[in-house]
Amino acid sequence: MLSRALGPRYAELLRTWTPTLMTWGGVAGIGVIWGTDWKLVLQYVPYIGGKYKTED
């Protein structure tokens, strides 16, 4: 189905580039977390989130 929509050449290119694109997507996601307020993001990660609990 993918090769019919894109053509066989582009379907093969997409299959070969998918791992690279996923890797760079993960790197970009970590970069966004690093560039933003990291405590805001990490409070939802199990075990690590316990370090940032504040008693109101």
PDB file of N, CA and C in Angstrom:
ATOM      1  N   MET A   1       0.824  -1.190   0.000  1.00  0.00           N
ATOM      2  CA  MET A   1       0.000   0.000   0.000  1.00  0.00           C
ATOM      3  C   MET A   1       0.872   1.259   0.000  1.00  0.00           C
ATOM      4  N   LEU A   2       1.938   1.248   0.788  1.00  0.00           N
ATOM      5  CA  LEU A   2       2.821   2.411   0.842  1.00  0.00           C
ATOM      6  C   LEU A   2       3.495   2.654  -0.489  1.00  0.00           C
ATOM      7  N   SER A   3       3.902   1.574  -1.156  1.00  0.00           N
ATOM      8  CA  SER A   3       4.574   1.739  -2.437  1.00  0.00           C
ATOM      9  C   SER A   3       3.600   2.221  -3.514  1.00  0.00           C
ATOM     10  N   ARG A   4       2.327   1.912  -3.374  1.00  0.00           N
ATOM     11  CA  ARG A   4       1.345   2.400  -4.348  1.00  0.00           C
ATOM     12  C   ARG A   4       1.093   3.881  -4.159  1.00  0.00           C
ATOM     13  N   ALA A   5       1.121   4.371  -2.921  1.00  0.00           N
ATOM     14  CA  ALA A   5       0.854   5.786  -2.673  1.00  0.00           C
ATOM     15  C   ALA A   5       2.068   6.651  -3.013  1.00  0.00           C
ATOM     16  N   LEU A   6       3.254   6.181  -2.689  1.00  0.00           N
ATOM     17  CA  LEU A   6       4.461   6.980  -2.904  1.00  0.00           C
ATOM     18  C   LEU A   6       5.252   6.568  -4.134  1.00  0.00           C
ATOM     19  N   GLY A   7       5.148   5.345  -4.488  1.00  0.00           N
ATOM     20  CA  GLY A   7       5.999   4.790  -5.528  1.00  0.00           C
ATOM     21  C   GLY A   7       7.048   3.918  -4.869  1.00  0.00           C
ATOM     22  N   PRO A   8       7.550   2.927  -5.581  1.00  0.00           N
ATOM     23  CA  PRO A   8       8.471   1.978  -4.954  1.00  0.00           C
ATOM     24  C   PRO A   8       9.789   2.605  -4.515  1.00  0.00           C
ATOM     25  N   ARG A   9      10.272   3.587  -5.241  1.00  0.00           N
ATOM     26  CA  ARG A   9      11.555   4.209  -4.874  1.00  0.00           C
ATOM     27  C   ARG A   9      11.442   4.948  -3.543  1.00  0.00           C
ATOM     28  N   TYR A  10      10.394   5.729  -3.393  1.00  0.00           N
ATOM     29  CA  TYR A  10      10.233   6.501  -2.168  1.00  0.00           C
ATOM     30  C   TYR A  10       9.847   5.623  -0.981  1.00  0.00           C
ATOM     31  N   ALA A  11       9.132   4.553  -1.231  1.00  0.00           N
ATOM     32  CA  ALA A  11       8.802   3.625  -0.149  1.00  0.00           C
ATOM     33  C   ALA A  11      10.077   2.975   0.383  1.00  0.00           C
ATOM     34  N   GLU A  12      10.994   2.617  -0.501  1.00  0.00           N
ATOM     35  CA  GLU A  12      12.269   2.018  -0.071  1.00  0.00           C
ATOM     36  C   GLU A  12      13.119   3.045   0.673  1.00  0.00           C
ATOM     37  N   LEU A  13      13.152   4.279   0.194  1.00  0.00           N
ATOM     38  CA  LEU A  13      13.889   5.331   0.901  1.00  0.00           C
ATOM     39  C   LEU A  13      13.328   5.557   2.300  1.00  0.00           C
ATOM     40  N   LEU A  14      12.015   5.550   2.420  1.00  0.00           N
ATOM     41  CA  LEU A  14      11.392   5.728   3.732  1.00  0.00           C
ATOM     42  C   LEU A  14      11.732   4.581   4.663  1.00  0.00           C
ATOM     43  N   ARG A  15      11.735   3.351   4.143  1.00  0.00           N
ATOM     44  CA  ARG A  15      12.085   2.202   4.976  1.00  0.00           C
ATOM     45  C   ARG A  15      13.531   2.271   5.456  1.00  0.00           C
ATOM     46  N   THR A  16      14.432   2.744   4.621  1.00  0.00           N
ATOM     47  CA  THR A  16      15.838   2.782   5.031  1.00  0.00           C
ATOM     48  C   THR A  16      16.129   3.957   5.955  1.00  0.00           C
ATOM     49  N   TRP A  17      15.383   5.033   5.843  1.00  0.00           N
ATOM     50  CA  TRP A  17      15.641   6.217   6.663  1.00  0.00           C
ATOM     51  C   TRP A  17      14.844   6.247   7.964  1.00  0.00           C
ATOM     52  N   THR A  18      13.900   5.345   8.150  1.00  0.00           N
ATOM     53  CA  THR A  18      13.061   5.357   9.354  1.00  0.00           C
ATOM     54  C   THR A  18      13.869   5.253  10.649  1.00  0.00           C
ATOM     55  N   PRO A  19      14.851   4.349  10.788  1.00  0.00           N
ATOM     56  CA  PRO A  19      15.617   4.310  12.043  1.00  0.00           C
ATOM     57  C   PRO A  19      16.385   5.610  12.316  1.00  0.00           C
ATOM     58  N   THR A  20      16.927   6.209  11.275  1.00  0.00           N
ATOM     59  CA  THR A  20      17.648   7.467  11.439  1.00  0.00           C
ATOM     60  C   THR A  20      16.702   8.576  11.875  1.00  0.00           C
ATOM     61  N   LEU A  21      15.541   8.650  11.249  1.00  0.00           N
ATOM     62  CA  LEU A  21      14.571   9.677  11.609  1.00  0.00           C
ATOM     63  C   LEU A  21      14.065   9.494  13.035  1.00  0.00           C
ATOM     64  N   MET A  22      13.877   8.249  13.458  1.00  0.00           N
ATOM     65  CA  MET A  22      13.436   7.996  14.833  1.00  0.00           C
ATOM     66  C   MET A  22      14.523   8.392  15.828  1.00  0.00           C
ATOM     67  N   THR A  23      15.778   8.117  15.491  1.00  0.00           N
ATOM     68  CA  THR A  23      16.884   8.490  16.376  1.00  0.00           C
ATOM     69  C   THR A  23      16.966   9.995  16.528  1.00  0.00           C
ATOM     70  N   TRP A  24      16.935  10.713  15.418  1.00  0.00           N
ATOM     71  CA  TRP A  24      17.007  12.174  15.495  1.00  0.00           C
ATOM     72  C   TRP A  24      15.767  12.768  16.163  1.00  0.00           C
ATOM     73  N   GLY A  25      14.621  12.118  16.032  1.00  0.00           N
ATOM     74  CA  GLY A  25      13.428  12.565  16.743  1.00  0.00           C
ATOM     75  C   GLY A  25      13.597  12.427  18.252  1.00  0.00           C
ATOM     76  N   GLY A  26      14.210  11.319  18.674  1.00  0.00           N
ATOM     77  CA  GLY A  26      14.494  11.138  20.105  1.00  0.00           C
ATOM     78  C   GLY A  26      15.485  12.168  20.620  1.00  0.00           C
ATOM     79  N   VAL A  27      16.512  12.442  19.825  1.00  0.00           N
ATOM     80  CA  VAL A  27      17.489  13.464  20.212  1.00  0.00           C
ATOM     81  C   VAL A  27      16.817  14.828  20.314  1.00  0.00           C
ATOM     82  N   ALA A  28      15.949  15.136  19.374  1.00  0.00           N
ATOM     83  CA  ALA A  28      15.233  16.415  19.419  1.00  0.00           C
ATOM     84  C   ALA A  28      14.328  16.493  20.647  1.00  0.00           C
ATOM     85  N   GLY A  29      13.664  15.384  20.992  1.00  0.00           N
ATOM     86  CA  GLY A  29      12.815  15.371  22.184  1.00  0.00           C
ATOM     87  C   GLY A  29      13.602  15.607  23.456  1.00  0.00           C
ATOM     88  N   ILE A  30      14.764  14.968  23.564  1.00  0.00           N
ATOM     89  CA  ILE A  30      15.617  15.189  24.734  1.00  0.00           C
ATOM     90  C   ILE A  30      16.129  16.622  24.752  1.00  0.00           C
ATOM     91  N   GLY A  31      16.429  17.164  23.586  1.00  0.00           N
ATOM     92  CA  GLY A  31      16.869  18.556  23.509  1.00  0.00           C
ATOM     93  C   GLY A  31      15.801  19.528  23.952  1.00  0.00           C
ATOM     94  N   VAL A  32      14.557  19.238  23.623  1.00  0.00           N
ATOM     95  CA  VAL A  32      13.453  20.106  24.066  1.00  0.00           C
ATOM     96  C   VAL A  32      13.310  20.035  25.580  1.00  0.00           C
ATOM     97  N   ILE A  33      13.416  18.829  26.138  1.00  0.00           N
ATOM     98  CA  ILE A  33      13.337  18.695  27.600  1.00  0.00           C
ATOM     99  C   ILE A  33      14.497  19.434  28.254  1.00  0.00           C
ATOM    100  N   TRP A  34      15.692  19.332  27.675  1.00  0.00           N
ATOM    101  CA  TRP A  34      16.871  20.011  28.228  1.00  0.00           C
ATOM    102  C   TRP A  34      16.714  21.528  28.158  1.00  0.00           C
ATOM    103  N   GLY A  35      16.118  22.023  27.088  1.00  0.00           N
ATOM    104  CA  GLY A  35      15.991  23.464  26.906  1.00  0.00           C
ATOM    105  C   GLY A  35      14.832  24.080  27.662  1.00  0.00           C
ATOM    106  N   THR A  36      13.903  23.274  28.144  1.00  0.00           N
ATOM    107  CA  THR A  36      12.753  23.808  28.867  1.00  0.00           C
ATOM    108  C   THR A  36      12.958  23.601  30.371  1.00  0.00           C
ATOM    109  N   ASP A  37      11.929  23.867  31.112  1.00  0.00           N
ATOM    110  CA  ASP A  37      11.976  23.679  32.559  1.00  0.00           C
ATOM    111  C   ASP A  37      11.972  22.182  32.856  1.00  0.00           C
ATOM    112  N   TRP A  38      13.138  21.622  33.107  1.00  0.00           N
ATOM    113  CA  TRP A  38      13.279  20.176  33.237  1.00  0.00           C
ATOM    114  C   TRP A  38      12.551  19.626  34.454  1.00  0.00           C
ATOM    115  N   LYS A  39      12.382  20.405  35.501  1.00  0.00           N
ATOM    116  CA  LYS A  39      11.632  19.902  36.664  1.00  0.00           C
ATOM    117  C   LYS A  39      10.164  19.698  36.316  1.00  0.00           C
ATOM    118  N   LEU A  40       9.638  20.559  35.457  1.00  0.00           N
ATOM    119  CA  LEU A  40       8.247  20.443  35.037  1.00  0.00           C
ATOM    120  C   LEU A  40       8.007  19.131  34.297  1.00  0.00           C
ATOM    121  N   VAL A  41       8.961  18.728  33.479  1.00  0.00           N
ATOM    122  CA  VAL A  41       8.827  17.490  32.712  1.00  0.00           C
ATOM    123  C   VAL A  41       9.116  16.274  33.581  1.00  0.00           C
ATOM    124  N   LEU A  42      10.185  16.324  34.375  1.00  0.00           N
ATOM    125  CA  LEU A  42      10.626  15.153  35.134  1.00  0.00           C
ATOM    126  C   LEU A  42       9.749  14.835  36.338  1.00  0.00           C
ATOM    127  N   GLN A  43       8.859  15.714  36.726  1.00  0.00           N
ATOM    128  CA  GLN A  43       7.995  15.399  37.861  1.00  0.00           C
ATOM    129  C   GLN A  43       7.046  14.253  37.539  1.00  0.00           C
ATOM    130  N   TYR A  44       6.839  13.946  36.260  1.00  0.00           N
ATOM    131  CA  TYR A  44       5.953  12.859  35.859  1.00  0.00           C
ATOM    132  C   TYR A  44       6.689  11.544  35.627  1.00  0.00           C
ATOM    133  N   VAL A  45       8.001  11.533  35.735  1.00  0.00           N
ATOM    134  CA  VAL A  45       8.781  10.311  35.553  1.00  0.00           C
ATOM    135  C   VAL A  45       8.832   9.577  36.892  1.00  0.00           C
ATOM    136  N   PRO A  46       8.468   8.292  36.907  1.00  0.00           N
ATOM    137  CA  PRO A  46       8.501   7.561  38.170  1.00  0.00           C
ATOM    138  C   PRO A  46       9.903   7.553  38.780  1.00  0.00           C
ATOM    139  N   TYR A  47       9.986   7.524  40.066  1.00  0.00           N
ATOM    140  CA  TYR A  47      11.199   7.517  40.876  1.00  0.00           C
ATOM    141  C   TYR A  47      11.896   8.873  40.866  1.00  0.00           C
ATOM    142  N   ILE A  48      12.145   9.438  39.691  1.00  0.00           N
ATOM    143  CA  ILE A  48      12.800  10.744  39.631  1.00  0.00           C
ATOM    144  C   ILE A  48      11.849  11.829  40.122  1.00  0.00           C
ATOM    145  N   GLY A  49      10.551  11.674  39.856  1.00  0.00           N
ATOM    146  CA  GLY A  49       9.569  12.675  40.231  1.00  0.00           C
ATOM    147  C   GLY A  49       9.471  12.871  41.738  1.00  0.00           C
ATOM    148  N   GLY A  50       9.814  11.862  42.524  1.00  0.00           N
ATOM    149  CA  GLY A  50       9.762  11.983  43.971  1.00  0.00           C
ATOM    150  C   GLY A  50      10.742  12.988  44.545  1.00  0.00           C
ATOM    151  N   LYS A  51      11.788  13.285  43.803  1.00  0.00           N
ATOM    152  CA  LYS A  51      12.782  14.249  44.270  1.00  0.00           C
ATOM    153  C   LYS A  51      12.267  15.669  44.235  1.00  0.00           C
ATOM    154  N   TYR A  52      11.244  15.934  43.443  1.00  0.00           N
ATOM    155  CA  TYR A  52      10.777  17.310  43.237  1.00  0.00           C
ATOM    156  C   TYR A  52       9.460  17.603  43.933  1.00  0.00           C
ATOM    157  N   LYS A  53       8.992  16.698  44.785  1.00  0.00           N
ATOM    158  CA  LYS A  53       7.738  16.969  45.493  1.00  0.00           C
ATOM    159  C   LYS A  53       7.972  18.044  46.554  1.00  0.00           C
ATOM    160  N   THR A  54       7.056  18.980  46.596  1.00  0.00           N
ATOM    161  CA  THR A  54       7.141  20.035  47.597  1.00  0.00           C
ATOM    162  C   THR A  54       5.942  19.925  48.524  1.00  0.00           C
ATOM    163  N   GLU A  55       6.152  20.185  49.770  1.00  0.00           N
ATOM    164  CA  GLU A  55       5.077  20.161  50.739  1.00  0.00           C
ATOM    165  C   GLU A  55       4.490  21.568  50.819  1.00  0.00           C
ATOM    166  N   ASP A  56       3.201  21.679  50.485  1.00  0.00           N
ATOM    167  CA  ASP A  56       2.547  22.991  50.516  1.00  0.00           C
ATOM    168  C   ASP A  56       1.943  23.293  51.857  1.00  0.00           C
TER     169      ASP A  56
END
